[in-house]
Every structure is written in structure tokens, then in C-alpha cells.
Amino acid sequence: MLLTKMERQLTVKYTIFNSIDELPNAMQKLMSEAIKARENAYAPYSGFKVGAAVRLQNGEICIGSNQENAAYPSGLCAERVAIYQASARFPNEIIEAIALTGTATEPTEQPVSPCGACRQSLSEYEIRQNQPISIYFMGACGKIIQVYSIKDLLPFLFDGSLL
């Protein structure tokens, strides 16, 4: 059997906003909540603080900040704190969007996207609700990137259909 190589290319659609002021009003509020949450992060080891805010279809906002632990794998990222809180408090609500902001001790303007574990966790909720979750992310300040679905950040996602 002759195997042939098949090459493909992925294209990711995203939007760049130059500042919070350019975001739609609802997203300005959500990003402001993420910034407040970032200030409450517990990051004594890395000094890298992350805040997240999740907006649900019912209008509720759930926040989270990263929580470090001396036993590094025991900590939890801001995105998962926020999304797990949303699911625990409002288990049947649709998650419409998540905003996140992160910065090191020396403030960064580079947008901080979700880590791999958070991408996988977000994909579980997006698949479960069968509706995309918009993700907005930024550094301490500056440009904000919006993707329209976790699939834009994790195109070959792993889900329960593979089990």
C-alpha cells in the first residue's frame, strides 16, 4: 500500500482590539472584572498573576484568579477557577464568554492566552453546551485578542467521543 502525504493548513480567525475601550460594553465590564480578579491572585512562587471572568447567558459573572501552591501541580489556573465556579453555581447555564488577563512581576503588554490544561477544560464546556465560547485575553494592559471558540486555540481537541 502506497501512503501519500496530505498537507493541510489551519486558519484561525481572531480580532485584535487596541485597548479595553474598543471592546463592546459587556466585554469591557467582563475584562474589568478579570483585572480585579487578577489583583487577588495568589502567586507567591511565580509572581505571575492571572484573573478571569466568565459571563453566562443569564447575565451572571463568575470570577477566578490563579491559586499557586508550593506543590506546583496542586495549584489552579484562573480560567479553571472561574469556569468551575460557574458550573457549580449555575450548572445548566450557557457560558457565552471568558475574559482573562495575566502579567508577571514586570508588567507585560503581550496578550496571555489560556494554558493547555485550561484550553482542554474550556473545550469540555464548549462541547457540552454545543455552543462556542468567545475568549478575550490580554496582558497587564494593551492589546486584547478575541477568538470565537476554543477550537481556534485548540483545533485538534481531545473529547469524550475518543474514549
Protein backbone atom coordinates (compact mmCIF):
# COMPACT_ATOMS: atom_id res chain seq x y z
CA MET A 1 0.00 0.00 0.00
CA LEU A 2 1.40 3.34 -1.05
CA LEU A 3 0.98 6.09 1.52
CA THR A 4 0.64 9.62 0.25
CA LYS A 5 1.38 12.70 2.20
CA MET A 6 -1.50 15.10 2.65
CA GLU A 7 -0.62 18.59 3.77
CA ARG A 8 -3.24 20.94 5.17
CA GLN A 9 -3.19 24.42 6.62
CA LEU A 10 -5.16 25.77 9.56
CA THR A 11 -6.51 29.28 9.59
CA VAL A 12 -7.52 30.96 12.82
CA LYS A 13 -9.96 33.84 12.81
CA TYR A 14 -9.35 36.36 15.57
CA THR A 15 -9.81 40.04 16.32
CA ILE A 16 -7.31 42.40 17.93
CA PHE A 17 -8.56 45.33 19.99
CA ASN A 18 -6.05 48.05 20.87
CA SER A 19 -7.49 48.69 24.33
CA ILE A 20 -10.36 47.86 26.65
CA ASP A 21 -12.15 50.98 25.41
CA GLU A 22 -12.57 49.37 21.96
CA LEU A 23 -14.41 46.34 23.36
CA PRO A 24 -18.21 46.15 23.34
CA ASN A 25 -19.63 47.45 26.64
CA ALA A 26 -20.44 44.00 28.02
CA MET A 27 -16.89 42.84 27.30
CA GLN A 28 -15.39 45.97 28.87
CA LYS A 29 -17.22 45.05 32.07
CA LEU A 30 -16.11 41.42 31.83
CA MET A 31 -12.45 42.36 31.27
CA SER A 32 -12.63 44.85 34.16
CA GLU A 33 -13.83 42.01 36.40
CA ALA A 34 -10.93 39.84 35.19
CA ILE A 35 -8.47 42.65 36.01
CA LYS A 36 -9.92 42.95 39.54
CA ALA A 37 -9.67 39.18 39.96
CA ARG A 38 -6.03 39.27 38.78
CA GLU A 39 -5.17 41.58 41.66
CA ASN A 40 -6.40 38.89 44.09
CA ALA A 41 -4.30 36.09 42.57
CA TYR A 42 -2.20 34.05 44.97
CA ALA A 43 1.11 33.76 43.11
CA PRO A 44 3.93 33.89 45.69
CA TYR A 45 6.17 31.47 43.75
CA SER A 46 5.94 32.61 40.15
CA GLY A 47 4.84 36.20 40.62
CA PHE A 48 2.63 35.61 37.56
CA LYS A 49 -0.90 36.80 38.34
CA VAL A 50 -3.88 35.85 36.21
CA GLY A 51 -7.51 36.88 36.52
CA ALA A 52 -10.50 35.51 34.64
CA ALA A 53 -14.17 36.38 34.38
CA VAL A 54 -16.87 34.21 32.81
CA ARG A 55 -20.14 35.66 31.51
CA LEU A 56 -23.15 33.37 31.48
CA GLN A 57 -26.23 33.65 29.30
CA ASN A 58 -28.30 34.63 32.36
CA GLY A 59 -26.04 37.69 32.84
CA GLU A 60 -24.16 36.33 35.86
CA ILE A 61 -20.39 36.82 36.00
CA CYS A 62 -18.12 34.37 37.83
CA ILE A 63 -14.52 35.28 38.51
CA GLY A 64 -11.34 33.41 39.28
CA SER A 65 -7.68 34.05 39.92
CA ASN A 66 -4.75 31.69 39.83
CA GLN A 67 -4.02 29.92 43.11
CA GLU A 68 -0.47 28.62 43.47
CA ASN A 69 0.77 26.01 45.90
CA ALA A 70 4.28 25.02 46.98
CA ALA A 71 3.48 21.60 45.50
CA TYR A 72 3.18 23.08 41.99
CA PRO A 73 0.71 20.62 40.45
CA SER A 74 -1.71 21.39 43.28
CA GLY A 75 -2.35 24.96 42.14
CA LEU A 76 -5.11 26.00 39.78
CA CYS A 77 -5.30 28.49 36.91
CA ALA A 78 -7.69 31.46 36.95
CA GLU A 79 -9.68 30.24 33.95
CA ARG A 80 -10.47 26.91 35.58
CA VAL A 81 -11.33 28.54 38.92
CA ALA A 82 -13.82 30.80 37.12
CA ILE A 83 -15.35 28.18 34.83
CA TYR A 84 -15.66 25.56 37.58
CA GLN A 85 -17.32 28.14 39.82
CA ALA A 86 -19.75 29.00 37.02
CA SER A 87 -20.59 25.33 36.51
CA ALA A 88 -21.01 24.69 40.24
CA ARG A 89 -23.26 27.72 40.79
CA PHE A 90 -25.19 27.62 37.51
CA PRO A 91 -24.87 24.07 36.13
CA ASN A 92 -27.35 24.49 33.28
CA GLU A 93 -26.38 27.96 32.08
CA ILE A 94 -24.65 28.61 28.76
CA ILE A 95 -21.17 30.12 29.03
CA GLU A 96 -21.02 32.93 26.50
CA ALA A 97 -17.58 34.41 27.03
CA ILE A 98 -14.47 34.40 29.17
CA ALA A 99 -12.05 37.28 29.63
CA LEU A 100 -8.59 36.79 31.04
CA THR A 101 -5.61 38.92 31.85
CA GLY A 102 -2.20 37.95 33.09
CA THR A 103 1.03 39.62 33.99
CA ALA A 104 4.39 38.88 35.53
CA THR A 105 6.01 40.95 38.26
CA GLU A 106 7.29 43.16 35.45
CA PRO A 107 4.01 44.11 33.68
CA THR A 108 3.63 42.68 30.19
CA GLU A 109 1.55 44.05 27.33
CA GLN A 110 1.80 40.72 25.49
CA PRO A 111 -1.67 39.08 25.47
CA VAL A 112 -1.68 35.98 27.72
CA SER A 113 -3.69 33.11 26.28
CA PRO A 114 -5.01 30.12 28.25
CA CYS A 115 -2.52 27.34 29.01
CA GLY A 116 -3.01 23.86 27.57
CA ALA A 117 -4.85 22.50 30.62
CA CYS A 118 -7.25 25.44 30.57
CA ARG A 119 -7.82 25.05 26.84
CA GLN A 120 -8.76 21.42 27.41
CA SER A 121 -11.09 22.35 30.29
CA LEU A 122 -12.76 25.09 28.26
CA SER A 123 -13.27 22.65 25.39
CA GLU A 124 -15.21 20.31 27.69
CA TYR A 125 -17.73 23.06 28.46
CA GLU A 126 -17.98 24.24 24.87
CA ILE A 127 -18.65 20.70 23.66
CA ARG A 128 -21.14 20.05 26.47
CA GLN A 129 -23.20 23.15 25.69
CA ASN A 130 -22.80 22.74 21.91
CA GLN A 131 -22.18 26.47 21.58
CA PRO A 132 -18.89 28.34 21.16
CA ILE A 133 -17.35 30.33 23.99
CA SER A 134 -15.73 33.63 22.97
CA ILE A 135 -12.35 34.10 24.62
CA TYR A 136 -10.78 37.53 25.17
CA PHE A 137 -7.24 37.72 26.52
CA MET A 138 -4.70 40.42 27.32
CA GLY A 139 -1.56 41.10 29.33
CA ALA A 140 -1.47 43.70 32.10
CA CYS A 141 -2.74 46.28 29.61
CA GLY A 142 -2.67 46.98 25.90
CA LYS A 143 -3.96 44.84 23.06
CA ILE A 144 -6.72 42.30 23.56
CA ILE A 145 -7.18 39.26 21.33
CA GLN A 146 -10.59 37.71 20.80
CA VAL A 147 -11.10 34.22 19.44
CA TYR A 148 -14.60 32.96 18.77
CA SER A 149 -14.28 29.40 20.04
CA ILE A 150 -11.84 27.27 21.99
CA LYS A 151 -11.39 25.39 18.72
CA ASP A 152 -9.48 28.43 17.45
CA LEU A 153 -6.87 27.82 20.16
CA LEU A 154 -7.12 24.02 20.27
CA PRO A 155 -8.07 22.85 16.77
CA PHE A 156 -7.35 19.14 17.31
CA LEU A 157 -9.07 18.93 20.68
CA PHE A 158 -9.49 15.75 22.67
CA ASP A 159 -13.04 14.98 23.77
CA GLY A 160 -15.19 12.23 25.19
CA SER A 161 -16.03 10.84 21.77
CA LEU A 162 -12.48 9.48 21.64
CA LEU A 163 -12.87 7.42 24.81
